[in-house]
C-alpha atoms as a PDB file:
ATOM      1  CA  MET A   1      18.819   9.317 -37.037  1.00  0.00           C
ATOM      2  CA  LYS A   2      16.378   7.111 -35.122  1.00  0.00           C
ATOM      3  CA  THR A   3      12.975   6.319 -36.478  1.00  0.00           C
ATOM      4  CA  LYS A   4       9.901   7.202 -34.460  1.00  0.00           C
ATOM      5  CA  GLN A   5       9.344   3.503 -33.716  1.00  0.00           C
ATOM      6  CA  GLU A   6      12.905   3.096 -32.357  1.00  0.00           C
ATOM      7  CA  SER A   7      12.529   6.172 -30.153  1.00  0.00           C
ATOM      8  CA  THR A   8       9.215   4.928 -28.780  1.00  0.00           C
ATOM      9  CA  LYS A   9      10.698   1.503 -28.039  1.00  0.00           C
ATOM     10  CA  GLN A  10      13.685   3.059 -26.282  1.00  0.00           C
ATOM     11  CA  ARG A  11      11.431   5.330 -24.197  1.00  0.00           C
ATOM     12  CA  ARG A  12       9.270   2.362 -23.142  1.00  0.00           C
ATOM     13  CA  GLN A  13      12.342   0.460 -22.012  1.00  0.00           C
ATOM     14  CA  HIS A  14      13.259   3.331 -19.696  1.00  0.00           C
ATOM     15  CA  MET A  15       9.721   3.645 -18.336  1.00  0.00           C
ATOM     16  CA  GLU A  16       9.085  -0.068 -17.708  1.00  0.00           C
ATOM     17  CA  PRO A  17      10.448  -1.469 -14.447  1.00  0.00           C
ATOM     18  CA  ASP A  18      13.077  -4.179 -14.636  1.00  0.00           C
ATOM     19  CA  PHE A  19      11.568  -6.961 -12.567  1.00  0.00           C
ATOM     20  CA  LYS A  20      14.606  -9.171 -13.107  1.00  0.00           C
ATOM     21  CA  LEU A  21      16.495  -7.159 -10.482  1.00  0.00           C
ATOM     22  CA  GLY A  22      13.856  -7.427  -7.777  1.00  0.00           C
ATOM     23  CA  LYS A  23      12.944 -10.323  -5.554  1.00  0.00           C
ATOM     24  CA  ARG A  24       9.559 -11.561  -4.425  1.00  0.00           C
ATOM     25  CA  VAL A  25       8.540 -10.408  -0.949  1.00  0.00           C
ATOM     26  CA  VAL A  26       6.374 -12.527   1.314  1.00  0.00           C
ATOM     27  CA  ASP A  27       2.994 -10.881   1.882  1.00  0.00           C
ATOM     28  CA  PHE A  28       2.988 -10.232   5.623  1.00  0.00           C
ATOM     29  CA  LEU A  29       0.168  -7.691   5.718  1.00  0.00           C
ATOM     30  CA  PRO A  30      -3.130  -8.728   7.299  1.00  0.00           C
ATOM     31  CA  SER A  31      -6.320  -8.986   5.275  1.00  0.00           C
ATOM     32  CA  PRO A  32      -8.723  -6.008   5.487  1.00  0.00           C
ATOM     33  CA  GLU A  33     -10.987  -8.058   7.791  1.00  0.00           C
ATOM     34  CA  GLU A  34      -8.147  -8.411  10.326  1.00  0.00           C
ATOM     35  CA  LEU A  35      -7.533  -4.676  10.528  1.00  0.00           C
ATOM     36  CA  VAL A  36      -9.462  -4.022  13.731  1.00  0.00           C
ATOM     37  CA  ALA A  37      -7.643  -3.029  16.935  1.00  0.00           C
ATOM     38  CA  ALA A  38      -8.131  -1.422  20.350  1.00  0.00           C
ATOM     39  CA  ASP A  39      -4.725   0.097  21.186  1.00  0.00           C
ATOM     40  CA  GLU A  40      -3.915   3.512  22.598  1.00  0.00           C
ATOM     41  CA  ALA A  41      -4.128   6.042  19.763  1.00  0.00           C
ATOM     42  CA  VAL A  42      -2.383   9.346  19.040  1.00  0.00           C
ATOM     43  CA  ARG A  43      -4.025  11.871  16.737  1.00  0.00           C
ATOM     44  CA  VAL A  44      -2.040  12.672  13.578  1.00  0.00           C
ATOM     45  CA  THR A  45      -2.792  14.613  10.441  1.00  0.00           C
ATOM     46  CA  MET A  46      -1.694  13.161   7.117  1.00  0.00           C
ATOM     47  CA  PHE A  47      -2.727  13.099   3.495  1.00  0.00           C
ATOM     48  CA  LEU A  48      -3.525   9.770   1.838  1.00  0.00           C
ATOM     49  CA  SER A  49      -4.390   9.093  -1.763  1.00  0.00           C
ATOM     50  CA  LYS A  50      -8.086   9.118  -2.586  1.00  0.00           C
ATOM     51  CA  ARG A  51      -7.685   5.614  -4.007  1.00  0.00           C
ATOM     52  CA  SER A  52      -6.381   4.297  -0.664  1.00  0.00           C
ATOM     53  CA  VAL A  53      -9.073   5.988   1.419  1.00  0.00           C
ATOM     54  CA  ASP A  54     -11.823   4.784  -0.928  1.00  0.00           C
ATOM     55  CA  PHE A  55     -10.475   1.223  -0.663  1.00  0.00           C
ATOM     56  CA  PHE A  56     -10.518   1.263   3.152  1.00  0.00           C
ATOM     57  CA  LYS A  57     -13.932   2.919   3.311  1.00  0.00           C
ATOM     58  CA  LYS A  58     -15.388   0.253   1.006  1.00  0.00           C
ATOM     59  CA  LYS A  59     -13.849  -2.626   2.998  1.00  0.00           C
ATOM     60  CA  ALA A  60     -14.862  -1.055   6.316  1.00  0.00           C
ATOM     61  CA  LYS A  61     -18.449  -0.597   5.200  1.00  0.00           C
ATOM     62  CA  ALA A  62     -18.635  -4.214   4.007  1.00  0.00           C
ATOM     63  CA  GLY A  63     -17.244  -5.438   7.335  1.00  0.00           C
ATOM     64  CA  ASP A  64     -19.235  -3.001   9.496  1.00  0.00           C
ATOM     65  CA  MET A  65     -16.113  -1.400  10.982  1.00  0.00           C
ATOM     66  CA  GLN A  66     -14.335   1.961  10.936  1.00  0.00           C
ATOM     67  CA  TYR A  67     -11.912   2.605   8.085  1.00  0.00           C
ATOM     68  CA  GLN A  68      -9.571   4.669  10.275  1.00  0.00           C
ATOM     69  CA  ARG A  69      -9.131   1.719  12.634  1.00  0.00           C
ATOM     70  CA  MET A  70      -8.303  -0.483   9.667  1.00  0.00           C
ATOM     71  CA  ILE A  71      -5.605   1.939   8.505  1.00  0.00           C
ATOM     72  CA  ARG A  72      -4.229   2.198  12.058  1.00  0.00           C
ATOM     73  CA  LYS A  73      -4.048  -1.608  12.328  1.00  0.00           C
ATOM     74  CA  LEU A  74      -2.253  -1.796   8.992  1.00  0.00           C
ATOM     75  CA  VAL A  75       0.388   0.666  10.178  1.00  0.00           C
ATOM     76  CA  ASP A  76       0.687  -1.192  13.515  1.00  0.00           C
ATOM     77  CA  SER A  77       1.203  -4.494  11.661  1.00  0.00           C
ATOM     78  CA  TYR A  78       3.980  -2.923   9.623  1.00  0.00           C
ATOM     79  CA  VAL A  79       5.667  -1.619  12.774  1.00  0.00           C
ATOM     80  CA  ASP A  80       5.334  -5.019  14.514  1.00  0.00           C
ATOM     81  CA  ARG A  81       7.025  -6.665  11.552  1.00  0.00           C
ATOM     82  CA  HIS A  82       9.892  -4.173  11.183  1.00  0.00           C
ATOM     83  CA  ALA A  83      10.457  -2.711  14.660  1.00  0.00           C
ATOM     84  CA  ILE A  84      13.966  -3.079  16.050  1.00  0.00           C
ATOM     85  CA  VAL A  85      13.781  -4.341  19.610  1.00  0.00           C
END
């Protein structure tokens, strides 16, 4: 029978990610200050985490810009990077 310490250690091993399998990805996303755009927009409804919205609102307020535009620019940057032409 396993001791409590062995069980806890085994559980932690299953919960912790194995970073040895992954590879480092180049950070291609723009900084929050660069997330300002003037493209044609389409209205969508989606739910974002409170943490994400709070982050963009804080950065937008500091840069005197709109947080929704910053989020839109972030999504556009992702599409530009990964779109198949």
